[in-house]
Each structure stands twice: as C-alpha cells, then as structure tokens.
PDB file of N, CA and C in Angstrom:
ATOM      1  N   MET A   1     -15.887  21.235  11.074  1.00  0.00           N
ATOM      2  CA  MET A   1     -16.849  20.270  10.926  1.00  0.00           C
ATOM      3  C   MET A   1     -16.013  19.172  11.863  1.00  0.00           C
ATOM      4  N   ALA A   2     -16.801  18.620  12.733  1.00  0.00           N
ATOM      5  CA  ALA A   2     -16.351  17.336  13.525  1.00  0.00           C
ATOM      6  C   ALA A   2     -16.287  16.147  12.629  1.00  0.00           C
ATOM      7  N   SER A   3     -15.307  15.794  13.051  1.00  0.00           N
ATOM      8  CA  SER A   3     -14.801  14.079  12.568  1.00  0.00           C
ATOM      9  C   SER A   3     -15.526  13.161  13.442  1.00  0.00           C
ATOM     10  N   GLN A   4     -15.769  12.052  13.098  1.00  0.00           N
ATOM     11  CA  GLN A   4     -16.269  10.828  13.810  1.00  0.00           C
ATOM     12  C   GLN A   4     -15.313   9.823  13.294  1.00  0.00           C
ATOM     13  N   LYS A   5     -15.422   8.903  14.468  1.00  0.00           N
ATOM     14  CA  LYS A   5     -14.427   7.684  14.699  1.00  0.00           C
ATOM     15  C   LYS A   5     -15.414   6.409  14.117  1.00  0.00           C
ATOM     16  N   LEU A   6     -14.796   5.620  13.369  1.00  0.00           N
ATOM     17  CA  LEU A   6     -15.840   4.561  12.625  1.00  0.00           C
ATOM     18  C   LEU A   6     -14.844   3.424  13.190  1.00  0.00           C
ATOM     19  N   LEU A   7     -15.336   2.520  13.813  1.00  0.00           N
ATOM     20  CA  LEU A   7     -14.663   0.742  13.773  1.00  0.00           C
ATOM     21  C   LEU A   7     -15.239   0.106  13.122  1.00  0.00           C
ATOM     22  N   ILE A   8     -14.448  -0.788  12.447  1.00  0.00           N
ATOM     23  CA  ILE A   8     -14.648  -1.802  11.534  1.00  0.00           C
ATOM     24  C   ILE A   8     -14.214  -2.933  12.360  1.00  0.00           C
ATOM     25  N   THR A   9     -14.781  -3.932  12.646  1.00  0.00           N
ATOM     26  CA  THR A   9     -14.660  -5.291  13.374  1.00  0.00           C
ATOM     27  C   THR A   9     -14.705  -6.320  12.370  1.00  0.00           C
ATOM     28  N   LYS A  10     -15.511  -6.328  11.204  1.00  0.00           N
ATOM     29  CA  LYS A  10     -15.903  -7.490  10.378  1.00  0.00           C
ATOM     30  C   LYS A  10     -16.001  -7.076   8.995  1.00  0.00           C
ATOM     31  N   ILE A  11     -15.403  -7.864   7.846  1.00  0.00           N
ATOM     32  CA  ILE A  11     -15.910  -7.570   6.647  1.00  0.00           C
ATOM     33  C   ILE A  11     -16.130  -8.874   5.952  1.00  0.00           C
ATOM     34  N   ASN A  12     -17.309  -8.446   5.035  1.00  0.00           N
ATOM     35  CA  ASN A  12     -17.806  -9.739   4.088  1.00  0.00           C
ATOM     36  C   ASN A  12     -16.641 -10.134   3.438  1.00  0.00           C
ATOM     37  N   PRO A  13     -16.280 -11.482   3.368  1.00  0.00           N
ATOM     38  CA  PRO A  13     -15.239 -11.715   2.483  1.00  0.00           C
ATOM     39  C   PRO A  13     -15.669 -11.751   0.804  1.00  0.00           C
ATOM     40  N   THR A  14     -16.999 -11.954   1.020  1.00  0.00           N
ATOM     41  CA  THR A  14     -17.471 -12.394  -0.581  1.00  0.00           C
ATOM     42  C   THR A  14     -17.502 -11.074  -1.102  1.00  0.00           C
ATOM     43  N   SER A  15     -17.963 -10.174  -0.427  1.00  0.00           N
ATOM     44  CA  SER A  15     -18.129  -8.964  -0.818  1.00  0.00           C
ATOM     45  C   SER A  15     -16.841  -8.169  -1.288  1.00  0.00           C
ATOM     46  N   LEU A  16     -15.921  -8.403  -0.410  1.00  0.00           N
ATOM     47  CA  LEU A  16     -14.578  -7.876  -0.543  1.00  0.00           C
ATOM     48  C   LEU A  16     -14.010  -8.396  -1.998  1.00  0.00           C
ATOM     49  N   GLY A  17     -14.162  -9.799  -2.125  1.00  0.00           N
ATOM     50  CA  GLY A  17     -13.624 -10.658  -3.059  1.00  0.00           C
ATOM     51  C   GLY A  17     -14.153  -9.967  -4.456  1.00  0.00           C
ATOM     52  N   ASN A  18     -15.912  -9.758  -4.201  1.00  0.00           N
ATOM     53  CA  ASN A  18     -16.263  -9.333  -5.731  1.00  0.00           C
ATOM     54  C   ASN A  18     -15.848  -7.776  -5.889  1.00  0.00           C
ATOM     55  N   PHE A  19     -15.265  -7.052  -4.796  1.00  0.00           N
ATOM     56  CA  PHE A  19     -15.085  -5.627  -5.133  1.00  0.00           C
ATOM     57  C   PHE A  19     -13.605  -5.606  -5.695  1.00  0.00           C
ATOM     58  N   VAL A  20     -12.448  -6.645  -5.294  1.00  0.00           N
ATOM     59  CA  VAL A  20     -11.292  -6.628  -5.914  1.00  0.00           C
ATOM     60  C   VAL A  20     -11.161  -7.426  -6.993  1.00  0.00           C
ATOM     61  N   GLY A  21     -12.285  -8.487  -7.380  1.00  0.00           N
ATOM     62  CA  GLY A  21     -12.084  -9.018  -8.663  1.00  0.00           C
ATOM     63  C   GLY A  21     -12.581  -8.192  -9.889  1.00  0.00           C
ATOM     64  N   THR A  22     -13.907  -7.258  -9.233  1.00  0.00           N
ATOM     65  CA  THR A  22     -14.167  -6.386 -10.482  1.00  0.00           C
ATOM     66  C   THR A  22     -13.037  -5.622 -10.864  1.00  0.00           C
ATOM     67  N   PHE A  23     -12.104  -4.819  -9.853  1.00  0.00           N
ATOM     68  CA  PHE A  23     -11.066  -4.131  -9.981  1.00  0.00           C
ATOM     69  C   PHE A  23     -10.117  -4.743 -10.661  1.00  0.00           C
ATOM     70  N   TYR A  24      -9.887  -5.874 -10.448  1.00  0.00           N
ATOM     71  CA  TYR A  24      -8.745  -6.582 -11.493  1.00  0.00           C
ATOM     72  C   TYR A  24      -9.204  -6.829 -12.663  1.00  0.00           C
ATOM     73  N   ALA A  25     -10.547  -7.371 -12.710  1.00  0.00           N
ATOM     74  CA  ALA A  25     -10.678  -7.396 -14.191  1.00  0.00           C
ATOM     75  C   ALA A  25     -10.931  -5.988 -15.036  1.00  0.00           C
ATOM     76  N   VAL A  26     -11.141  -4.807 -14.628  1.00  0.00           N
ATOM     77  CA  VAL A  26     -10.770  -3.701 -15.470  1.00  0.00           C
ATOM     78  C   VAL A  26      -9.489  -3.513 -15.821  1.00  0.00           C
ATOM     79  N   ILE A  27      -8.555  -3.861 -14.570  1.00  0.00           N
ATOM     80  CA  ILE A  27      -7.038  -3.842 -15.388  1.00  0.00           C
ATOM     81  C   ILE A  27      -6.675  -4.983 -16.261  1.00  0.00           C
ATOM     82  N   GLY A  28      -7.482  -6.196 -15.943  1.00  0.00           N
ATOM     83  CA  GLY A  28      -7.591  -7.285 -16.912  1.00  0.00           C
ATOM     84  C   GLY A  28      -7.741  -6.854 -18.653  1.00  0.00           C
ATOM     85  N   VAL A  29      -8.726  -5.899 -18.773  1.00  0.00           N
ATOM     86  CA  VAL A  29      -9.263  -5.415 -19.920  1.00  0.00           C
ATOM     87  C   VAL A  29      -8.186  -4.485 -20.481  1.00  0.00           C
ATOM     88  N   ALA A  30      -7.642  -3.420 -19.778  1.00  0.00           N
ATOM     89  CA  ALA A  30      -6.377  -2.722 -20.177  1.00  0.00           C
ATOM     90  C   ALA A  30      -5.273  -3.500 -20.493  1.00  0.00           C
ATOM     91  N   ILE A  31      -4.905  -4.606 -19.954  1.00  0.00           N
ATOM     92  CA  ILE A  31      -3.753  -5.169 -20.336  1.00  0.00           C
ATOM     93  C   ILE A  31      -4.486  -6.069 -21.718  1.00  0.00           C
ATOM     94  N   GLY A  32      -5.480  -6.685 -21.523  1.00  0.00           N
ATOM     95  CA  GLY A  32      -5.999  -7.519 -22.881  1.00  0.00           C
ATOM     96  C   GLY A  32      -5.912  -6.459 -23.719  1.00  0.00           C
ATOM     97  N   LEU A  33      -6.582  -5.255 -24.179  1.00  0.00           N
ATOM     98  CA  LEU A  33      -6.467  -4.375 -25.051  1.00  0.00           C
ATOM     99  C   LEU A  33      -5.018  -4.032 -25.579  1.00  0.00           C
ATOM    100  N   ILE A  34      -4.087  -3.684 -24.804  1.00  0.00           N
ATOM    101  CA  ILE A  34      -2.968  -3.673 -24.856  1.00  0.00           C
ATOM    102  C   ILE A  34      -2.329  -4.793 -25.627  1.00  0.00           C
ATOM    103  N   LEU A  35      -2.649  -6.008 -25.183  1.00  0.00           N
ATOM    104  CA  LEU A  35      -1.959  -6.916 -25.667  1.00  0.00           C
ATOM    105  C   LEU A  35      -2.770  -7.317 -27.496  1.00  0.00           C
ATOM    106  N   ALA A  36      -3.835  -7.115 -27.488  1.00  0.00           N
ATOM    107  CA  ALA A  36      -4.743  -7.192 -28.803  1.00  0.00           C
ATOM    108  C   ALA A  36      -3.973  -6.216 -29.816  1.00  0.00           C
ATOM    109  N   PHE A  37      -3.848  -5.185 -29.284  1.00  0.00           N
ATOM    110  CA  PHE A  37      -3.322  -4.137 -30.072  1.00  0.00           C
ATOM    111  C   PHE A  37      -1.750  -4.163 -30.536  1.00  0.00           C
ATOM    112  N   GLY A  38      -1.045  -4.940 -29.675  1.00  0.00           N
ATOM    113  CA  GLY A  38       0.246  -5.197 -29.954  1.00  0.00           C
ATOM    114  C   GLY A  38       0.384  -6.269 -30.883  1.00  0.00           C
ATOM    115  N   SER A  39      -0.341  -7.454 -30.852  1.00  0.00           N
ATOM    116  CA  SER A  39      -0.395  -8.458 -31.479  1.00  0.00           C
ATOM    117  C   SER A  39      -1.044  -8.110 -33.165  1.00  0.00           C
ATOM    118  N   ALA A  40      -1.614  -7.317 -33.103  1.00  0.00           N
ATOM    119  CA  ALA A  40      -2.134  -6.851 -34.279  1.00  0.00           C
ATOM    120  C   ALA A  40      -1.094  -5.827 -35.009  1.00  0.00           C
ATOM    121  N   ILE A  41      -0.601  -5.216 -34.717  1.00  0.00           N
ATOM    122  CA  ILE A  41       0.761  -4.459 -35.204  1.00  0.00           C
ATOM    123  C   ILE A  41       1.875  -5.296 -35.325  1.00  0.00           C
ATOM    124  N   SER A  42       2.171  -6.343 -34.569  1.00  0.00           N
ATOM    125  CA  SER A  42       3.358  -7.454 -34.791  1.00  0.00           C
ATOM    126  C   SER A  42       3.008  -8.090 -35.983  1.00  0.00           C
ATOM    127  N   VAL A  43       1.583  -8.647 -36.102  1.00  0.00           N
ATOM    128  CA  VAL A  43       1.358  -9.287 -37.365  1.00  0.00           C
ATOM    129  C   VAL A  43       1.397  -8.344 -38.669  1.00  0.00           C
ATOM    130  N   TRP A  44       0.979  -7.479 -38.390  1.00  0.00           N
ATOM    131  CA  TRP A  44       0.997  -6.102 -39.712  1.00  0.00           C
ATOM    132  C   TRP A  44       2.389  -5.984 -39.958  1.00  0.00           C
ATOM    133  N   VAL A  45       3.394  -5.795 -38.922  1.00  0.00           N
ATOM    134  CA  VAL A  45       4.791  -5.326 -39.459  1.00  0.00           C
ATOM    135  C   VAL A  45       5.681  -6.460 -39.853  1.00  0.00           C
ATOM    136  N   GLY A  46       5.562  -7.877 -39.120  1.00  0.00           N
ATOM    137  CA  GLY A  46       6.502  -8.469 -39.158  1.00  0.00           C
ATOM    138  C   GLY A  46       5.977  -9.954 -39.614  1.00  0.00           C
ATOM    139  N   ALA A  47       4.806 -10.379 -40.018  1.00  0.00           N
ATOM    140  CA  ALA A  47       4.324 -11.496 -40.692  1.00  0.00           C
ATOM    141  C   ALA A  47       4.602 -11.908 -41.876  1.00  0.00           C
ATOM    142  N   GLN A  48       5.760 -12.509 -42.145  1.00  0.00           N
ATOM    143  CA  GLN A  48       6.379 -12.717 -43.398  1.00  0.00           C
ATOM    144  C   GLN A  48       5.785 -14.253 -43.663  1.00  0.00           C
ATOM    145  N   GLY A  49       5.268 -14.432 -45.101  1.00  0.00           N
ATOM    146  CA  GLY A  49       4.619 -15.450 -45.461  1.00  0.00           C
ATOM    147  C   GLY A  49       3.187 -15.599 -45.378  1.00  0.00           C
ATOM    148  N   TRP A  50       2.516 -14.833 -44.409  1.00  0.00           N
ATOM    149  CA  TRP A  50       1.407 -14.641 -44.047  1.00  0.00           C
ATOM    150  C   TRP A  50       0.541 -13.666 -45.149  1.00  0.00           C
ATOM    151  N   ASN A  51      -0.650 -13.989 -45.483  1.00  0.00           N
ATOM    152  CA  ASN A  51      -1.453 -12.949 -46.227  1.00  0.00           C
ATOM    153  C   ASN A  51      -2.068 -12.408 -45.460  1.00  0.00           C
ATOM    154  N   PHE A  52      -2.915 -11.013 -45.752  1.00  0.00           N
ATOM    155  CA  PHE A  52      -3.565 -10.309 -45.056  1.00  0.00           C
ATOM    156  C   PHE A  52      -4.880 -10.987 -44.098  1.00  0.00           C
ATOM    157  N   PHE A  53      -5.311 -11.980 -44.794  1.00  0.00           N
ATOM    158  CA  PHE A  53      -6.361 -12.634 -43.870  1.00  0.00           C
ATOM    159  C   PHE A  53      -5.999 -13.508 -42.905  1.00  0.00           C
ATOM    160  N   GLN A  54      -4.746 -14.196 -43.160  1.00  0.00           N
ATOM    161  CA  GLN A  54      -3.743 -14.949 -42.047  1.00  0.00           C
ATOM    162  C   GLN A  54      -3.781 -14.103 -41.069  1.00  0.00           C
ATOM    163  N   GLY A  55      -3.167 -12.972 -41.247  1.00  0.00           N
ATOM    164  CA  GLY A  55      -2.714 -12.153 -40.245  1.00  0.00           C
ATOM    165  C   GLY A  55      -3.782 -11.481 -39.632  1.00  0.00           C
ATOM    166  N   LEU A  56      -4.991 -11.233 -40.451  1.00  0.00           N
ATOM    167  CA  LEU A  56      -5.861 -10.672 -39.638  1.00  0.00           C
ATOM    168  C   LEU A  56      -6.838 -11.602 -38.452  1.00  0.00           C
ATOM    169  N   GLY A  57      -6.696 -12.746 -39.068  1.00  0.00           N
ATOM    170  CA  GLY A  57      -7.499 -13.954 -38.076  1.00  0.00           C
ATOM    171  C   GLY A  57      -6.672 -13.952 -36.876  1.00  0.00           C
ATOM    172  N   PHE A  58      -5.212 -14.063 -37.192  1.00  0.00           N
ATOM    173  CA  PHE A  58      -4.497 -14.186 -36.189  1.00  0.00           C
ATOM    174  C   PHE A  58      -4.542 -13.254 -34.673  1.00  0.00           C
ATOM    175  N   GLY A  59      -4.800 -11.769 -35.473  1.00  0.00           N
ATOM    176  CA  GLY A  59      -4.841 -10.472 -34.662  1.00  0.00           C
ATOM    177  C   GLY A  59      -6.483 -10.437 -34.193  1.00  0.00           C
ATOM    178  N   LEU A  60      -7.395 -11.089 -34.492  1.00  0.00           N
ATOM    179  CA  LEU A  60      -8.668 -11.256 -34.338  1.00  0.00           C
ATOM    180  C   LEU A  60      -8.518 -11.988 -32.998  1.00  0.00           C
ATOM    181  N   ALA A  61      -8.007 -13.213 -33.056  1.00  0.00           N
ATOM    182  CA  ALA A  61      -7.948 -14.316 -32.327  1.00  0.00           C
ATOM    183  C   ALA A  61      -7.074 -13.750 -31.058  1.00  0.00           C
ATOM    184  N   VAL A  62      -6.416 -13.211 -30.933  1.00  0.00           N
ATOM    185  CA  VAL A  62      -5.203 -13.009 -29.863  1.00  0.00           C
ATOM    186  C   VAL A  62      -6.314 -11.636 -29.191  1.00  0.00           C
ATOM    187  N   GLY A  63      -6.769 -10.615 -29.770  1.00  0.00           N
ATOM    188  CA  GLY A  63      -7.771  -9.533 -29.455  1.00  0.00           C
ATOM    189  C   GLY A  63      -8.870 -10.201 -28.654  1.00  0.00           C
ATOM    190  N   ILE A  64      -9.568 -11.370 -29.200  1.00  0.00           N
ATOM    191  CA  ILE A  64     -10.828 -11.781 -28.322  1.00  0.00           C
ATOM    192  C   ILE A  64     -10.249 -12.325 -27.217  1.00  0.00           C
ATOM    193  N   LEU A  65      -8.946 -13.176 -27.150  1.00  0.00           N
ATOM    194  CA  LEU A  65      -8.666 -13.796 -26.015  1.00  0.00           C
ATOM    195  C   LEU A  65      -8.132 -12.698 -24.844  1.00  0.00           C
ATOM    196  N   GLY A  66      -7.698 -11.660 -25.601  1.00  0.00           N
ATOM    197  CA  GLY A  66      -7.095 -10.482 -24.473  1.00  0.00           C
ATOM    198  C   GLY A  66      -8.323  -9.604 -24.047  1.00  0.00           C
ATOM    199  N   VAL A  67      -9.253  -9.637 -24.877  1.00  0.00           N
ATOM    200  CA  VAL A  67     -10.455  -8.527 -24.101  1.00  0.00           C
ATOM    201  C   VAL A  67     -11.357  -9.548 -23.380  1.00  0.00           C
ATOM    202  N   VAL A  68     -11.452 -11.007 -23.730  1.00  0.00           N
ATOM    203  CA  VAL A  68     -12.525 -11.462 -23.174  1.00  0.00           C
ATOM    204  C   VAL A  68     -11.873 -12.663 -21.918  1.00  0.00           C
ATOM    205  N   ILE A  69     -10.731 -13.315 -22.132  1.00  0.00           N
ATOM    206  CA  ILE A  69     -10.468 -14.223 -21.155  1.00  0.00           C
ATOM    207  C   ILE A  69      -9.596 -13.595 -20.140  1.00  0.00           C
ATOM    208  N   TYR A  70      -8.750 -12.591 -20.739  1.00  0.00           N
ATOM    209  CA  TYR A  70      -8.036 -12.089 -19.441  1.00  0.00           C
ATOM    210  C   TYR A  70      -8.705 -11.326 -18.630  1.00  0.00           C
ATOM    211  N   PRO A  71      -9.746 -10.339 -18.907  1.00  0.00           N
ATOM    212  CA  PRO A  71     -10.784 -10.152 -17.588  1.00  0.00           C
ATOM    213  C   PRO A  71     -11.428 -10.965 -16.580  1.00  0.00           C
ATOM    214  N   PHE A  72     -11.545 -12.143 -17.272  1.00  0.00           N
ATOM    215  CA  PHE A  72     -12.350 -13.282 -16.874  1.00  0.00           C
ATOM    216  C   PHE A  72     -11.111 -13.938 -15.819  1.00  0.00           C
ATOM    217  N   ILE A  73      -9.800 -14.335 -16.025  1.00  0.00           N
ATOM    218  CA  ILE A  73      -8.781 -14.656 -15.484  1.00  0.00           C
ATOM    219  C   ILE A  73      -8.479 -13.472 -14.130  1.00  0.00           C
ATOM    220  N   TYR A  74      -8.264 -12.568 -14.655  1.00  0.00           N
ATOM    221  CA  TYR A  74      -7.999 -11.666 -13.469  1.00  0.00           C
ATOM    222  C   TYR A  74      -9.187 -11.338 -12.648  1.00  0.00           C
ATOM    223  N   PHE A  75     -10.483 -11.782 -12.856  1.00  0.00           N
ATOM    224  CA  PHE A  75     -11.633 -11.436 -11.943  1.00  0.00           C
ATOM    225  C   PHE A  75     -11.455 -12.682 -11.183  1.00  0.00           C
ATOM    226  N   ILE A  76     -11.167 -13.666 -11.730  1.00  0.00           N
ATOM    227  CA  ILE A  76     -11.087 -15.014 -10.294  1.00  0.00           C
ATOM    228  C   ILE A  76      -9.679 -14.688  -9.776  1.00  0.00           C
ATOM    229  N   ILE A  77      -8.695 -14.362 -10.262  1.00  0.00           N
ATOM    230  CA  ILE A  77      -7.466 -14.387  -9.142  1.00  0.00           C
ATOM    231  C   ILE A  77      -7.909 -12.927  -8.246  1.00  0.00           C
ATOM    232  N   GLY A  78      -8.607 -11.926  -8.618  1.00  0.00           N
ATOM    233  CA  GLY A  78      -8.485 -10.674  -7.704  1.00  0.00           C
ATOM    234  C   GLY A  78      -9.818 -11.266  -6.356  1.00  0.00           C
ATOM    235  N   TRP A  79     -10.966 -12.108  -7.042  1.00  0.00           N
ATOM    236  CA  TRP A  79     -11.765 -12.151  -6.072  1.00  0.00           C
ATOM    237  C   TRP A  79     -11.056 -13.398  -4.889  1.00  0.00           C
ATOM    238  N   ILE A  80     -10.671 -14.299  -5.362  1.00  0.00           N
ATOM    239  CA  ILE A  80      -9.719 -15.324  -4.537  1.00  0.00           C
ATOM    240  C   ILE A  80      -8.697 -14.343  -3.389  1.00  0.00           C
ATOM    241  N   GLN A  81      -8.125 -13.266  -4.075  1.00  0.00           N
ATOM    242  CA  GLN A  81      -7.512 -12.447  -3.044  1.00  0.00           C
ATOM    243  C   GLN A  81      -7.920 -11.937  -2.127  1.00  0.00           C
ATOM    244  N   GLY A  82      -9.369 -11.322  -2.848  1.00  0.00           N
ATOM    245  CA  GLY A  82     -10.081 -10.160  -1.675  1.00  0.00           C
ATOM    246  C   GLY A  82     -10.695 -11.373  -0.686  1.00  0.00           C
ATOM    247  N   ALA A  83     -11.208 -12.382  -1.120  1.00  0.00           N
ATOM    248  CA  ALA A  83     -12.012 -13.288  -0.278  1.00  0.00           C
ATOM    249  C   ALA A  83     -10.895 -13.737   0.907  1.00  0.00           C
ATOM    250  N   ILE A  84      -9.545 -14.151   0.628  1.00  0.00           N
ATOM    251  CA  ILE A  84      -8.568 -14.337   1.643  1.00  0.00           C
ATOM    252  C   ILE A  84      -8.023 -13.110   2.319  1.00  0.00           C
ATOM    253  N   PHE A  85      -8.009 -11.870   1.791  1.00  0.00           N
ATOM    254  CA  PHE A  85      -7.693 -11.037   2.493  1.00  0.00           C
ATOM    255  C   PHE A  85      -9.079 -10.557   3.463  1.00  0.00           C
ATOM    256  N   GLY A  86     -10.194 -10.934   3.170  1.00  0.00           N
ATOM    257  CA  GLY A  86     -11.135 -10.446   3.972  1.00  0.00           C
ATOM    258  C   GLY A  86     -11.257 -11.733   5.251  1.00  0.00           C
ATOM    259  N   LEU A  87     -10.909 -12.828   5.392  1.00  0.00           N
ATOM    260  CA  LEU A  87     -10.728 -13.543   6.131  1.00  0.00           C
ATOM    261  C   LEU A  87      -9.686 -13.320   7.046  1.00  0.00           C
ATOM    262  N   ILE A  88      -8.441 -13.093   6.425  1.00  0.00           N
ATOM    263  CA  ILE A  88      -7.294 -12.608   7.535  1.00  0.00           C
ATOM    264  C   ILE A  88      -7.600 -11.344   7.916  1.00  0.00           C
ATOM    265  N   PHE A  89      -8.348 -10.372   7.452  1.00  0.00           N
ATOM    266  CA  PHE A  89      -8.679  -9.158   8.299  1.00  0.00           C
ATOM    267  C   PHE A  89      -9.811  -9.571   9.233  1.00  0.00           C
ATOM    268  N   ASN A  90     -10.713 -10.438   8.880  1.00  0.00           N
ATOM    269  CA  ASN A  90     -11.835 -10.677  10.167  1.00  0.00           C
ATOM    270  C   ASN A  90     -11.125 -11.546  11.346  1.00  0.00           C
ATOM    271  N   VAL A  91      -9.966 -12.331  10.966  1.00  0.00           N
ATOM    272  CA  VAL A  91      -9.307 -13.241  12.341  1.00  0.00           C
ATOM    273  C   VAL A  91      -8.281 -11.926  12.921  1.00  0.00           C
ATOM    274  N   ALA A  92      -7.541 -11.099  12.053  1.00  0.00           N
ATOM    275  CA  ALA A  92      -6.735 -10.163  12.768  1.00  0.00           C
ATOM    276  C   ALA A  92      -7.801  -9.091  13.877  1.00  0.00           C
ATOM    277  N   THR A  93      -8.485  -8.899  13.396  1.00  0.00           N
ATOM    278  CA  THR A  93      -9.578  -7.818  14.095  1.00  0.00           C
ATOM    279  C   THR A  93     -10.476  -8.448  15.011  1.00  0.00           C
ATOM    280  N   SER A  94     -10.427  -9.572  15.316  1.00  0.00           N
ATOM    281  CA  SER A  94     -11.033 -10.410  16.220  1.00  0.00           C
ATOM    282  C   SER A  94     -10.035 -10.427  17.670  1.00  0.00           C
ATOM    283  N   TYR A  95      -8.799 -10.191  16.955  1.00  0.00           N
ATOM    284  CA  TYR A  95      -7.727 -10.180  18.126  1.00  0.00           C
ATOM    285  C   TYR A  95      -7.259  -8.872  18.606  1.00  0.00           C
ATOM    286  N   MET A  96      -7.332  -7.868  17.556  1.00  0.00           N
ATOM    287  CA  MET A  96      -7.031  -6.572  18.073  1.00  0.00           C
ATOM    288  C   MET A  96      -8.019  -5.309  18.355  1.00  0.00           C
ATOM    289  N   GLY A  97      -9.470  -5.980  18.151  1.00  0.00           N
ATOM    290  CA  GLY A  97     -10.628  -5.399  18.607  1.00  0.00           C
ATOM    291  C   GLY A  97     -11.070  -4.574  17.305  1.00  0.00           C
ATOM    292  N   GLY A  98     -10.598  -4.228  16.310  1.00  0.00           N
ATOM    293  CA  GLY A  98     -11.160  -3.676  15.170  1.00  0.00           C
ATOM    294  C   GLY A  98     -10.161  -2.568  14.172  1.00  0.00           C
ATOM    295  N   LEU A  99     -10.726  -1.935  13.161  1.00  0.00           N
ATOM    296  CA  LEU A  99      -9.812  -1.180  12.624  1.00  0.00           C
ATOM    297  C   LEU A  99     -10.596   0.423  12.620  1.00  0.00           C
ATOM    298  N   GLU A 100      -9.836   1.385  13.130  1.00  0.00           N
ATOM    299  CA  GLU A 100     -10.585   2.595  13.401  1.00  0.00           C
ATOM    300  C   GLU A 100     -10.334   3.336  12.364  1.00  0.00           C
ATOM    301  N   ILE A 101     -11.417   4.153  11.622  1.00  0.00           N
ATOM    302  CA  ILE A 101     -11.593   5.146  10.773  1.00  0.00           C
ATOM    303  C   ILE A 101     -12.006   6.247  11.312  1.00  0.00           C
ATOM    304  N   GLU A 102     -11.171   7.362  10.592  1.00  0.00           N
ATOM    305  CA  GLU A 102     -11.811   9.212  11.055  1.00  0.00           C
ATOM    306  C   GLU A 102     -12.332   9.716   9.864  1.00  0.00           C
ATOM    307  N   THR A 103     -13.526   9.622  10.101  1.00  0.00           N
ATOM    308  CA  THR A 103     -14.491  10.498   8.755  1.00  0.00           C
ATOM    309  C   THR A 103     -15.020  11.921   9.294  1.00  0.00           C
ATOM    310  N   LYS A 104     -15.418  12.679   8.222  1.00  0.00           N
ATOM    311  CA  LYS A 104     -15.597  13.899   8.236  1.00  0.00           C
ATOM    312  C   LYS A 104     -17.250  13.933   7.997  1.00  0.00           C
TER     313      LYS A 104
END
C-alpha cells in the first residue's frame, strides 16, 4: 500500500484547546475519584471524635469536589495550554512551511 504525505500548515487553536481540555478533564475525573476514595477511607479509618454522619458528610463533600470541580479546573488548564500551543504551532509553521505527516 502506498503512503501519502500530508502537510499541516495551520491548526485552529480553539479546536486544539477543546481537544486538550477534554483530555485533561478525563484525567481530572480520575484524580478526583482517587481523591474522593482516599478521603473517604481516611475519614473512615482515622476520624477520631467524629461520628459516622460527620465523616460521611466530609467524605461526600470532598468526593463532590473531586468529581465535579477537578475536571472543570483541569479542562480550563488544558484548554489554555492547547490554545497557546496551537498559536505557537501556527507561528512556527509559518516560518518552516508546515509539518509533514506520512499516512497509509
């Protein structure tokens, strides 16, 4: 099978920001779940002086923070990084003529 060469000369920074932001948000969900699980275990094991419902409330609050807030923050950080990289890529390829990719 013959391979084709594809020349990329420009990337839409908004589109790249959306892609990188979504990827980072998935990472944020994973980190949020780990944080929520870890906080629930730590409250369950070492919460001296707390009753069950206080520990449950704290674990739930940290879990919501981890699963909702972290992906949102990670998305924003990823979007900014992706958009900046897209702009830098466009400036660099304007000087070097583009990025050549070989496809099959």
